[in-house]
């Protein structure tokens, strides 16, 4: 795909042949790509922490419960496919 080609050209990912299926390719992040992913995750976590900081314990507990419900729903949907 064009997205993968762009990532490969940018040095963020690499393609390699699948060992058993000659038609398939394995796409993996390079060290640079993993570094970019980690930095992005740190930024997202920091922003989320900043946004949630003003909330009290009850609101944070409600968000935690809702998060568990969403995770369970996604897991259930994934298991039914």
N, C-alpha and C. Protein backbone atom coordinates (compact mmCIF):
# COMPACT_ATOMS: atom_id res chain seq x y z
N UNK A 1 0.83 -1.19 0.00
CA UNK A 1 0.00 0.00 0.00
C UNK A 1 0.87 1.25 0.00
N UNK A 2 0.26 2.36 -0.33
CA UNK A 2 1.01 3.62 -0.36
C UNK A 2 1.47 4.04 1.03
N UNK A 3 0.67 3.73 2.03
CA UNK A 3 1.05 4.11 3.40
C UNK A 3 2.30 3.35 3.82
N UNK A 4 2.32 2.05 3.60
CA UNK A 4 3.49 1.25 3.96
C UNK A 4 4.70 1.70 3.17
N UNK A 5 4.52 1.96 1.88
CA UNK A 5 5.64 2.44 1.06
C UNK A 5 6.21 3.72 1.63
N UNK A 6 5.34 4.63 2.05
CA UNK A 6 5.81 5.88 2.66
C UNK A 6 6.57 5.64 3.94
N UNK A 7 6.09 4.73 4.76
CA UNK A 7 6.79 4.41 6.01
C UNK A 7 8.16 3.79 5.73
N UNK A 8 8.22 2.91 4.74
CA UNK A 8 9.49 2.29 4.37
C UNK A 8 10.46 3.35 3.85
N UNK A 9 9.99 4.22 2.97
CA UNK A 9 10.85 5.28 2.42
C UNK A 9 11.36 6.23 3.51
N UNK A 10 10.53 6.45 4.53
CA UNK A 10 10.92 7.33 5.64
C UNK A 10 11.82 6.61 6.65
N UNK A 11 12.05 5.32 6.44
CA UNK A 11 12.90 4.57 7.36
C UNK A 11 12.19 4.18 8.65
N UNK A 12 10.86 4.22 8.65
CA UNK A 12 10.10 3.91 9.86
C UNK A 12 9.63 2.45 9.90
N UNK A 13 9.64 1.79 8.74
CA UNK A 13 9.20 0.40 8.66
C UNK A 13 10.04 -0.32 7.61
N UNK A 14 9.97 -1.63 7.67
CA UNK A 14 10.64 -2.44 6.64
C UNK A 14 9.72 -3.58 6.24
N UNK A 15 9.88 -4.00 5.00
CA UNK A 15 9.13 -5.14 4.47
C UNK A 15 10.11 -6.30 4.32
N UNK A 16 9.61 -7.49 4.60
CA UNK A 16 10.41 -8.67 4.30
C UNK A 16 9.48 -9.79 3.88
N UNK A 17 9.99 -10.72 3.12
CA UNK A 17 9.13 -11.82 2.65
C UNK A 17 8.68 -12.69 3.81
N UNK A 18 7.48 -13.25 3.68
CA UNK A 18 6.98 -14.22 4.64
C UNK A 18 7.74 -15.53 4.39
N UNK A 19 8.12 -16.21 5.44
CA UNK A 19 8.93 -17.43 5.29
C UNK A 19 8.21 -18.53 4.52
N UNK A 20 6.91 -18.69 4.76
CA UNK A 20 6.18 -19.81 4.15
C UNK A 20 5.27 -19.41 3.00
N UNK A 21 4.85 -18.16 2.98
CA UNK A 21 3.89 -17.72 1.95
C UNK A 21 4.58 -16.68 1.08
N UNK A 22 5.04 -17.10 -0.07
CA UNK A 22 5.78 -16.21 -0.96
C UNK A 22 4.98 -15.02 -1.45
N UNK A 23 3.65 -15.07 -1.35
CA UNK A 23 2.82 -13.94 -1.77
C UNK A 23 2.72 -12.87 -0.70
N UNK A 24 3.04 -13.23 0.55
CA UNK A 24 2.85 -12.30 1.68
C UNK A 24 4.15 -11.61 2.05
N UNK A 25 3.98 -10.47 2.69
CA UNK A 25 5.10 -9.71 3.22
C UNK A 25 4.86 -9.45 4.69
N UNK A 26 5.94 -9.40 5.44
CA UNK A 26 5.89 -9.03 6.85
C UNK A 26 6.31 -7.57 6.93
N UNK A 27 5.51 -6.77 7.61
CA UNK A 27 5.82 -5.35 7.80
C UNK A 27 6.18 -5.18 9.27
N UNK A 28 7.32 -4.56 9.53
CA UNK A 28 7.76 -4.35 10.91
C UNK A 28 8.35 -2.96 11.06
N UNK A 29 8.15 -2.39 12.23
CA UNK A 29 8.73 -1.07 12.51
C UNK A 29 10.24 -1.22 12.67
N UNK A 30 10.96 -0.24 12.17
CA UNK A 30 12.41 -0.18 12.38
C UNK A 30 12.66 0.42 13.77
N UNK A 31 13.91 0.45 14.18
CA UNK A 31 14.26 1.08 15.47
C UNK A 31 13.78 2.53 15.47
N UNK A 32 13.99 3.23 14.37
CA UNK A 32 13.53 4.62 14.27
C UNK A 32 12.01 4.69 14.35
N UNK A 33 11.32 3.77 13.69
CA UNK A 33 9.86 3.73 13.73
C UNK A 33 9.35 3.47 15.14
N UNK A 34 9.99 2.54 15.86
CA UNK A 34 9.59 2.27 17.25
C UNK A 34 9.81 3.49 18.13
N UNK A 35 10.88 4.21 17.87
CA UNK A 35 11.16 5.43 18.64
C UNK A 35 10.08 6.48 18.40
N UNK A 36 9.68 6.64 17.15
CA UNK A 36 8.60 7.59 16.81
C UNK A 36 7.31 7.18 17.51
N UNK A 37 7.00 5.88 17.50
CA UNK A 37 5.80 5.39 18.17
C UNK A 37 5.84 5.66 19.67
N UNK A 38 7.00 5.41 20.30
CA UNK A 38 7.12 5.66 21.75
C UNK A 38 6.96 7.14 22.08
N UNK A 39 7.56 8.00 21.28
CA UNK A 39 7.42 9.45 21.54
C UNK A 39 5.96 9.88 21.39
N UNK A 40 5.29 9.37 20.37
CA UNK A 40 3.89 9.72 20.17
C UNK A 40 3.03 9.24 21.33
N UNK A 41 3.31 8.04 21.81
CA UNK A 41 2.55 7.51 22.95
C UNK A 41 2.79 8.37 24.19
N UNK A 42 4.04 8.74 24.44
CA UNK A 42 4.33 9.60 25.61
C UNK A 42 3.57 10.92 25.52
N UNK A 43 3.52 11.50 24.32
CA UNK A 43 2.78 12.76 24.15
C UNK A 43 1.29 12.57 24.41
N UNK A 44 0.72 11.48 23.89
CA UNK A 44 -0.71 11.23 24.10
C UNK A 44 -1.02 10.98 25.58
N UNK A 45 -0.18 10.22 26.24
CA UNK A 45 -0.39 9.94 27.66
C UNK A 45 -0.28 11.23 28.47
N UNK A 46 0.71 12.05 28.16
CA UNK A 46 0.89 13.32 28.88
C UNK A 46 -0.32 14.24 28.67
N UNK A 47 -0.82 14.29 27.46
CA UNK A 47 -1.99 15.14 27.17
C UNK A 47 -3.23 14.62 27.89
N UNK A 48 -3.40 13.32 27.89
CA UNK A 48 -4.54 12.74 28.60
C UNK A 48 -4.44 13.01 30.10
N UNK A 49 -3.25 12.86 30.66
CA UNK A 49 -3.05 13.14 32.09
C UNK A 49 -3.37 14.60 32.39
N UNK A 50 -2.96 15.50 31.51
CA UNK A 50 -3.23 16.93 31.70
C UNK A 50 -4.73 17.19 31.69
N UNK A 51 -5.42 16.56 30.76
CA UNK A 51 -6.86 16.77 30.65
C UNK A 51 -7.64 16.18 31.83
N UNK A 52 -7.16 15.06 32.37
CA UNK A 52 -7.85 14.41 33.47
C UNK A 52 -7.47 14.95 34.85
N UNK A 53 -6.36 15.67 34.93
CA UNK A 53 -5.85 16.15 36.22
C UNK A 53 -6.89 16.92 37.04
N UNK A 54 -7.71 17.77 36.45
CA UNK A 54 -8.67 18.53 37.27
C UNK A 54 -9.82 17.70 37.83
N UNK A 55 -10.01 16.48 37.35
CA UNK A 55 -11.15 15.68 37.77
C UNK A 55 -10.94 15.09 39.16
N UNK A 56 -12.02 14.94 39.88
CA UNK A 56 -11.96 14.34 41.21
C UNK A 56 -11.98 12.82 41.13
N UNK A 57 -11.84 12.19 42.31
CA UNK A 57 -11.76 10.73 42.40
C UNK A 57 -13.00 10.05 41.82
N UNK A 58 -14.18 10.59 42.09
CA UNK A 58 -15.40 9.95 41.60
C UNK A 58 -15.46 9.96 40.08
N UNK A 59 -15.09 11.06 39.48
CA UNK A 59 -15.10 11.13 38.02
C UNK A 59 -14.04 10.20 37.42
N UNK A 60 -12.87 10.17 38.03
CA UNK A 60 -11.82 9.28 37.53
C UNK A 60 -12.23 7.81 37.67
N UNK A 61 -12.90 7.48 38.77
CA UNK A 61 -13.38 6.11 38.96
C UNK A 61 -14.42 5.76 37.90
N UNK A 62 -15.30 6.71 37.58
CA UNK A 62 -16.31 6.48 36.54
C UNK A 62 -15.65 6.26 35.19
N UNK A 63 -14.63 7.03 34.90
CA UNK A 63 -13.90 6.87 33.63
C UNK A 63 -13.22 5.51 33.59
N UNK A 64 -12.65 5.09 34.70
CA UNK A 64 -11.99 3.78 34.76
C UNK A 64 -13.00 2.66 34.52
N UNK A 65 -14.18 2.77 35.13
CA UNK A 65 -15.22 1.75 34.91
C UNK A 65 -15.66 1.73 33.45
N UNK A 66 -15.87 2.90 32.89
CA UNK A 66 -16.28 2.99 31.48
C UNK A 66 -15.21 2.41 30.56
N UNK A 67 -13.96 2.65 30.88
CA UNK A 67 -12.86 2.12 30.08
C UNK A 67 -12.88 0.60 30.10
N UNK A 68 -13.09 0.02 31.27
CA UNK A 68 -13.16 -1.45 31.36
C UNK A 68 -14.33 -2.00 30.55
N UNK A 69 -15.46 -1.29 30.57
CA UNK A 69 -16.61 -1.74 29.78
C UNK A 69 -16.32 -1.69 28.28
N UNK A 70 -15.67 -0.62 27.84
CA UNK A 70 -15.33 -0.50 26.42
C UNK A 70 -14.34 -1.59 26.04
N UNK A 71 -13.33 -1.84 26.88
CA UNK A 71 -12.36 -2.90 26.59
C UNK A 71 -13.04 -4.25 26.49
N UNK A 72 -13.97 -4.54 27.40
CA UNK A 72 -14.69 -5.81 27.37
C UNK A 72 -15.53 -5.93 26.11
N UNK A 73 -16.19 -4.85 25.73
CA UNK A 73 -17.01 -4.88 24.52
C UNK A 73 -16.15 -5.11 23.29
N UNK A 74 -15.02 -4.46 23.22
CA UNK A 74 -14.12 -4.65 22.07
C UNK A 74 -13.57 -6.07 22.03
N UNK A 75 -13.22 -6.61 23.19
CA UNK A 75 -12.71 -7.98 23.25
C UNK A 75 -13.79 -8.96 22.81
N UNK A 76 -15.01 -8.74 23.28
CA UNK A 76 -16.11 -9.63 22.89
C UNK A 76 -16.37 -9.57 21.39
N UNK A 77 -16.33 -8.37 20.83
CA UNK A 77 -16.54 -8.22 19.39
C UNK A 77 -15.43 -8.90 18.61
N UNK A 78 -14.22 -8.78 19.10
CA UNK A 78 -13.08 -9.39 18.43
C UNK A 78 -13.17 -10.93 18.48
N UNK A 79 -13.65 -11.46 19.60
CA UNK A 79 -13.74 -12.92 19.76
C UNK A 79 -14.87 -13.55 18.95
N UNK A 80 -15.82 -12.75 18.51
CA UNK A 80 -16.93 -13.30 17.74
C UNK A 80 -16.65 -13.31 16.25
N UNK A 81 -15.55 -12.80 15.84
CA UNK A 81 -15.21 -12.76 14.40
C UNK A 81 -14.53 -14.02 13.98
